[in-house]
Amino acid sequence: MEEDVIICNCNEVYRSEIVKAIKEKGLKTVEEVGEVTLAGTGCGGCQEDIQAILDEING
């Protein structure tokens, strides 16, 4: 099992939290992920990483 990593340092949001939110709530955008998890709502530096996770899960 791969190690869980922090994606959003500002709000201390882990990859597993983002993946769970995307799958459970059918999230499609970085903004939606931010509304649910707060990831990407601080400095915004992790938004590309969040988009990569969205692309990976949603295709």
C-alpha atoms as a PDB file:
ATOM      1  CA  MET A   1       0.000   0.000   0.000  1.00  0.00           C
ATOM      2  CA  GLU A   2       1.384   3.387  -0.925  1.00  0.00           C
ATOM      3  CA  GLU A   3       2.073   5.914   1.809  1.00  0.00           C
ATOM      4  CA  ASP A   4      -0.560   8.608   2.285  1.00  0.00           C
ATOM      5  CA  VAL A   5       0.876  12.041   1.573  1.00  0.00           C
ATOM      6  CA  ILE A   6      -0.196  15.577   2.374  1.00  0.00           C
ATOM      7  CA  ILE A   7      -1.389  17.280  -0.800  1.00  0.00           C
ATOM      8  CA  CYS A   8      -2.457  20.585   0.776  1.00  0.00           C
ATOM      9  CA  ASN A   9       0.076  21.804   3.312  1.00  0.00           C
ATOM     10  CA  CYS A  10      -1.909  24.940   4.214  1.00  0.00           C
ATOM     11  CA  ASN A  11      -4.924  22.975   5.429  1.00  0.00           C
ATOM     12  CA  GLU A  12      -3.160  19.634   6.078  1.00  0.00           C
ATOM     13  CA  VAL A  13      -5.320  17.629   3.661  1.00  0.00           C
ATOM     14  CA  TYR A  14      -4.100  14.161   2.758  1.00  0.00           C
ATOM     15  CA  ARG A  15      -4.408  12.449  -0.618  1.00  0.00           C
ATOM     16  CA  SER A  16      -6.705   9.797   0.871  1.00  0.00           C
ATOM     17  CA  GLU A  17      -9.166  12.486   2.035  1.00  0.00           C
ATOM     18  CA  ILE A  18      -9.265  14.017  -1.440  1.00  0.00           C
ATOM     19  CA  VAL A  19      -9.723  10.635  -3.156  1.00  0.00           C
ATOM     20  CA  LYS A  20     -12.505   9.669  -0.745  1.00  0.00           C
ATOM     21  CA  ALA A  21     -14.344  12.974  -1.290  1.00  0.00           C
ATOM     22  CA  ILE A  22     -14.065  12.704  -5.086  1.00  0.00           C
ATOM     23  CA  LYS A  23     -15.396   9.138  -5.112  1.00  0.00           C
ATOM     24  CA  GLU A  24     -18.163   9.599  -2.532  1.00  0.00           C
ATOM     25  CA  LYS A  25     -19.468  12.943  -3.778  1.00  0.00           C
ATOM     26  CA  GLY A  26     -18.698  12.684  -7.499  1.00  0.00           C
ATOM     27  CA  LEU A  27     -16.537  15.799  -7.500  1.00  0.00           C
ATOM     28  CA  LYS A  28     -15.341  17.017 -10.889  1.00  0.00           C
ATOM     29  CA  THR A  29     -13.415  20.263 -10.281  1.00  0.00           C
ATOM     30  CA  VAL A  30     -10.622  21.596  -8.085  1.00  0.00           C
ATOM     31  CA  GLU A  31     -13.126  24.124  -6.720  1.00  0.00           C
ATOM     32  CA  GLU A  32     -15.545  21.372  -5.657  1.00  0.00           C
ATOM     33  CA  VAL A  33     -12.710  19.515  -3.921  1.00  0.00           C
ATOM     34  CA  GLY A  34     -11.828  22.747  -2.110  1.00  0.00           C
ATOM     35  CA  GLU A  35     -15.413  23.290  -0.967  1.00  0.00           C
ATOM     36  CA  VAL A  36     -15.581  19.784   0.526  1.00  0.00           C
ATOM     37  CA  THR A  37     -12.043  19.285   1.872  1.00  0.00           C
ATOM     38  CA  LEU A  38     -10.555  22.830   1.997  1.00  0.00           C
ATOM     39  CA  ALA A  39      -7.652  21.520  -0.118  1.00  0.00           C
ATOM     40  CA  GLY A  40      -6.336  24.176  -2.479  1.00  0.00           C
ATOM     41  CA  THR A  41      -8.094  27.041  -0.710  1.00  0.00           C
ATOM     42  CA  GLY A  42      -5.012  28.441   1.047  1.00  0.00           C
ATOM     43  CA  CYS A  43      -2.092  29.461  -1.154  1.00  0.00           C
ATOM     44  CA  GLY A  44      -3.369  27.435  -4.128  1.00  0.00           C
ATOM     45  CA  GLY A  45      -0.011  25.776  -4.719  1.00  0.00           C
ATOM     46  CA  CYS A  46      -1.501  22.281  -4.631  1.00  0.00           C
ATOM     47  CA  GLN A  47      -4.263  22.867  -7.188  1.00  0.00           C
ATOM     48  CA  GLU A  48      -2.285  21.155  -9.968  1.00  0.00           C
ATOM     49  CA  ASP A  49      -1.873  18.096  -7.722  1.00  0.00           C
ATOM     50  CA  ILE A  50      -5.604  18.097  -6.972  1.00  0.00           C
ATOM     51  CA  GLN A  51      -6.352  18.295 -10.714  1.00  0.00           C
ATOM     52  CA  ALA A  52      -4.019  15.349 -11.317  1.00  0.00           C
ATOM     53  CA  ILE A  53      -5.939  13.296  -8.727  1.00  0.00           C
ATOM     54  CA  LEU A  54      -9.245  14.304 -10.336  1.00  0.00           C
ATOM     55  CA  ASP A  55      -7.928  13.268 -13.770  1.00  0.00           C
ATOM     56  CA  GLU A  56      -6.687   9.954 -12.390  1.00  0.00           C
ATOM     57  CA  ILE A  57     -10.018   9.101 -10.794  1.00  0.00           C
ATOM     58  CA  ASN A  58     -12.456  10.599 -13.311  1.00  0.00           C
ATOM     59  CA  GLY A  59     -10.458   9.797 -16.424  1.00  0.00           C
END
